[in-house]
Protein backbone atom coordinates (compact mmCIF):
# COMPACT_ATOMS: atom_id res chain seq x y z
CA MET A 1 0.00 0.00 0.00
CA THR A 2 2.84 2.40 0.79
CA LYS A 3 4.38 1.77 -2.63
CA ILE A 4 1.11 2.74 -4.32
CA LYS A 5 0.98 5.99 -2.33
CA ILE A 6 4.58 6.78 -3.26
CA LEU A 7 3.85 6.12 -6.94
CA PHE A 8 0.75 8.31 -7.02
CA LEU A 9 2.19 11.18 -4.98
CA PRO A 10 4.17 12.75 -7.88
CA ILE A 11 1.13 12.47 -10.17
CA TRP A 12 -1.13 14.08 -7.57
CA LEU A 13 1.38 16.88 -6.93
CA LEU A 14 1.73 17.54 -10.65
CA MET A 15 -2.05 17.75 -11.11
CA PHE A 16 -2.45 19.97 -8.04
CA SER A 17 0.36 22.33 -8.95
CA GLN A 18 -0.91 22.83 -12.50
CA SER A 19 -4.41 23.75 -11.39
CA VAL A 20 -3.36 26.10 -8.61
CA PHE A 21 -0.24 27.72 -10.03
CA ALA A 22 -1.05 27.68 -13.75
CA GLU A 23 -0.11 30.82 -15.64
CA GLN A 24 -2.99 30.27 -18.04
CA PHE A 25 -6.27 28.40 -17.86
CA LEU A 26 -9.46 27.85 -19.83
CA TYR A 27 -12.48 29.67 -18.45
CA THR A 28 -15.92 28.58 -19.66
CA CYS A 29 -18.92 30.74 -18.80
CA ILE A 30 -22.60 29.91 -19.30
CA SER A 31 -25.23 32.64 -19.04
CA ASP A 32 -28.68 32.77 -17.56
CA LYS A 33 -29.84 33.11 -21.20
CA ASN A 34 -28.27 29.81 -22.42
CA TRP A 35 -25.20 31.36 -24.02
CA MET A 36 -21.71 29.90 -23.51
CA ILE A 37 -18.37 31.70 -23.96
CA ASN A 38 -14.90 30.12 -23.80
CA PHE A 39 -11.85 32.14 -22.83
CA GLN A 40 -8.18 31.47 -22.18
CA ILE A 41 -6.87 33.63 -19.35
CA ASN A 42 -3.15 34.18 -18.91
CA THR A 43 -2.31 35.55 -15.45
CA LYS A 44 1.38 36.19 -16.22
CA LYS A 45 0.76 38.19 -19.42
CA GLU A 46 -2.55 39.56 -18.06
CA THR A 47 -4.44 38.66 -21.23
CA VAL A 48 -7.90 37.32 -22.01
CA PHE A 49 -8.26 35.40 -25.28
CA PHE A 50 -11.85 35.02 -26.52
CA ILE A 51 -11.93 31.53 -28.07
CA SER A 52 -15.56 30.91 -28.99
CA SER A 53 -19.20 31.45 -28.07
CA GLY A 54 -22.46 29.73 -28.83
CA ASP A 55 -25.98 28.78 -27.91
CA THR A 56 -26.06 25.94 -25.34
CA THR A 57 -29.04 24.37 -27.14
CA GLY A 58 -26.95 23.65 -30.25
CA GLY A 59 -27.99 26.70 -32.25
CA SER A 60 -25.51 29.26 -33.52
CA SER A 61 -21.84 29.24 -32.59
CA HIS A 62 -18.92 31.54 -33.32
CA GLN A 63 -15.16 30.97 -33.45
CA VAL A 64 -13.88 34.36 -32.33
CA LYS A 65 -10.18 33.76 -31.54
CA GLU A 66 -9.28 37.34 -30.56
CA TYR A 67 -7.69 39.01 -27.57
CA GLU A 68 -9.98 41.13 -25.45
CA ASN A 69 -9.13 44.75 -24.59
CA VAL A 70 -8.18 44.46 -20.91
CA LEU A 71 -9.09 47.50 -18.82
CA GLU A 72 -8.25 46.02 -15.40
CA PHE A 73 -6.47 42.83 -14.34
CA THR A 74 -6.16 41.90 -10.67
CA LYS A 75 -5.95 38.62 -8.80
CA ASN A 76 -9.72 38.31 -8.39
CA ARG A 77 -11.18 40.66 -11.01
CA ILE A 78 -10.67 41.26 -14.73
CA THR A 79 -12.54 43.89 -16.74
CA VAL A 80 -12.52 43.89 -20.56
CA TYR A 81 -14.00 46.03 -23.32
CA ASP A 82 -15.07 44.53 -26.63
CA PRO A 83 -16.23 46.75 -29.54
CA TYR A 84 -18.46 45.13 -32.16
CA PRO A 85 -19.99 46.62 -35.30
CA GLY A 86 -23.13 48.28 -33.94
CA SER A 87 -22.52 47.64 -30.23
CA GLU A 88 -20.02 47.53 -27.38
CA SER A 89 -19.66 44.98 -24.60
CA TYR A 90 -18.10 45.29 -21.19
CA ARG A 91 -17.31 42.12 -19.26
CA THR A 92 -16.22 41.77 -15.67
CA PHE A 93 -14.84 38.45 -14.45
CA PHE A 94 -15.03 37.84 -10.71
CA LEU A 95 -12.54 34.97 -10.52
CA ASP A 96 -12.97 34.33 -6.80
CA GLU A 97 -16.75 33.93 -7.29
CA ASN A 98 -16.55 32.23 -10.73
CA ILE A 99 -19.05 34.60 -12.32
CA MET A 100 -18.89 37.00 -15.25
CA LEU A 101 -21.16 39.97 -15.87
CA ASN A 102 -21.66 41.11 -19.47
CA SER A 103 -23.25 44.40 -20.46
CA GLY A 104 -24.00 45.21 -24.11
CA HIS A 105 -24.59 48.82 -25.23
CA TYR A 106 -26.20 49.93 -28.51
CA PRO A 107 -26.35 53.32 -30.32
CA ASP A 108 -30.18 53.34 -30.13
CA LYS A 109 -29.88 53.51 -26.30
CA ASN A 110 -30.83 49.85 -25.83
CA PHE A 111 -28.72 47.58 -23.64
CA HIS A 112 -28.67 44.05 -22.32
CA ASN A 113 -27.12 42.43 -19.26
CA GLN A 114 -26.22 38.79 -18.76
CA ILE A 115 -24.94 36.90 -15.73
CA PHE A 116 -22.62 33.94 -16.41
CA ASN A 117 -21.54 31.12 -14.12
CA CYS A 118 -17.99 30.07 -14.94
CA ILE A 119 -15.66 27.12 -14.41
CA ARG A 120 -11.91 26.78 -14.81
CA GLY A 121 -10.84 24.01 -17.12
C-alpha cells in the first residue's frame, strides 16, 4: 500500500500544482440566457483570449479567436471592453466567485445584461 501511495504522490502533486499555479487556464462561462463563452486567461501576461461562443441548445456558434481589450487585471477581477460593429460589450470576471457579468450597449440607447456562471478548465 505504501508503494502505491509513493507512486501516485508525484502524479497528484503535478495535477495539483498545474491547477493552482497555472499561468494560463481555460475559463468557460454559461449565461442565464443559455449562451456559452470560452476564454483562455493568462495571469502572467494579463491577457484574455476570446476563443468561442455559442448557444447551449446547439444553435448558432462563433469561433472568435481574438484578444480582449483588458481594462483592469487583478488577482480576483478582470474587466474587458469589446467593440463590435453596432454595439459595445463590457465584461467583468469575478474569478474568486466564478461569475462574469456582461453588459452590451447599442447606439439606439438599448442595452442588455447577462450573468454567467464560470468554471476553470
